Protein backbone atom coordinates (compact mmCIF):
# COMPACT_ATOMS: atom_id res chain seq x y z
CA MET A 1 101.22 98.71 88.55
CA ARG A 2 100.96 99.26 84.81
CA LYS A 3 97.75 98.69 82.87
CA ASP A 4 99.13 95.36 81.63
CA GLY A 5 99.56 94.20 85.24
CA ALA A 6 103.36 94.47 85.30
CA PRO A 7 104.94 96.19 88.30
CA VAL A 8 106.31 99.69 87.80
CA GLU A 9 110.04 99.91 88.38
CA ARG A 10 111.24 102.71 90.59
CA PRO A 11 114.69 104.07 91.32
CA ALA A 12 116.26 102.27 94.28
CA LEU A 13 116.96 105.47 96.22
CA ARG A 14 113.52 106.99 95.71
CA PRO A 15 111.53 106.62 98.95
CA ILE A 16 108.04 105.19 98.88
CA SER A 17 105.24 107.60 99.65
CA GLU A 18 103.10 107.79 102.75
CA ASN A 19 100.15 106.75 100.56
CA THR A 20 101.98 103.56 99.56
CA LEU A 21 102.32 102.60 103.24
CA ASN A 22 98.69 103.51 103.93
CA ALA A 23 97.54 101.34 100.98
CA ALA A 24 99.59 98.43 102.38
CA LEU A 25 97.91 98.88 105.77
CA ARG A 26 94.48 98.83 104.06
CA ARG A 27 95.41 95.57 102.29
CA LEU A 28 96.27 94.14 105.72
CA GLY A 29 92.75 94.97 106.82
CA LEU A 30 93.49 98.07 108.88
CA GLY A 31 91.20 101.04 108.27
CA ASN A 32 92.07 104.72 108.65
CA ALA A 33 90.59 104.65 112.14
CA ASP A 34 92.95 101.78 113.09
CA HIS A 35 96.32 103.03 111.92
CA LEU A 36 97.97 105.44 109.48
CA SER A 37 101.58 105.26 108.36
CA HIS A 38 102.45 108.45 110.23
CA GLY A 39 101.55 106.56 113.42
CA PHE A 40 104.75 104.53 113.06
CA ARG A 41 106.70 107.74 113.75
CA THR A 42 104.64 108.30 116.90
CA SER A 43 105.20 104.72 118.04
CA MET A 44 108.95 104.98 117.39
CA SER A 45 109.20 108.24 119.31
CA THR A 46 107.21 106.91 122.27
CA ALA A 47 109.14 103.64 122.50
CA SER A 48 112.51 105.38 122.13
CA ASN A 49 111.73 108.00 124.76
CA GLU A 50 110.32 105.43 127.20
CA SER A 51 113.37 103.19 126.83
CA GLY A 52 115.61 105.82 128.41
CA LEU A 53 118.43 104.69 126.10
CA PHE A 54 118.50 107.77 123.87
CA LYS A 55 118.60 111.52 124.37
CA ALA A 56 115.48 113.35 123.20
CA ASP A 57 117.62 115.43 120.79
CA ILE A 58 118.78 112.28 119.00
CA ILE A 59 115.21 110.98 118.68
CA GLU A 60 114.09 114.29 117.19
CA VAL A 61 116.95 114.27 114.68
CA VAL A 62 116.12 110.69 113.63
CA LEU A 63 112.50 111.76 113.11
CA ASN A 64 113.83 114.63 110.98
CA HIS A 65 112.39 117.25 113.32
CA MET A 66 114.86 119.89 112.29
CA ASP A 67 116.16 122.69 114.46
CA GLU A 68 114.86 126.06 113.26
CA ASP A 69 118.48 127.12 112.83
CA LYS A 70 119.32 125.33 109.56
CA VAL A 71 123.09 125.54 110.09
CA ARG A 72 122.83 124.09 113.59
CA ALA A 73 120.58 121.31 112.29
CA ILE A 74 123.24 120.25 109.79
CA TYR A 75 125.93 120.07 112.46
CA ASP A 76 123.65 118.25 114.93
CA ARG A 77 123.10 115.52 112.34
CA ALA A 78 126.82 115.01 111.98
CA ARG A 79 127.40 115.14 115.73
CA TYR A 80 124.83 112.44 116.48
CA GLU A 81 125.77 110.09 113.64
CA GLN A 82 126.72 107.07 115.77
CA GLU A 83 123.74 107.47 118.12
CA ARG A 84 121.35 107.87 115.17
CA LYS A 85 122.67 104.65 113.63
CA ARG A 86 122.22 102.80 116.93
CA LEU A 87 118.67 104.10 117.36
CA SER A 88 117.80 103.25 113.76
CA GLN A 89 118.86 99.64 114.31
């Protein structure tokens, strides 16, 4: 927010920061000991793995846990496109 109270405009494709999510959680009354934004990634991974509907490799790609081989990681993203979309829904 600007000093005059007006909201700051941001580019539509620029992602919000982890701190923005953490501030929103604080405004909801959740303290750092209750939940941090990174915990959503943990919850998503746990729920997806427990569902048995998705291969672990697809879950890791969605979480952006890249393969150490950068070239392979690029091709894996393309190969799992439909599954990643389904999981993201």
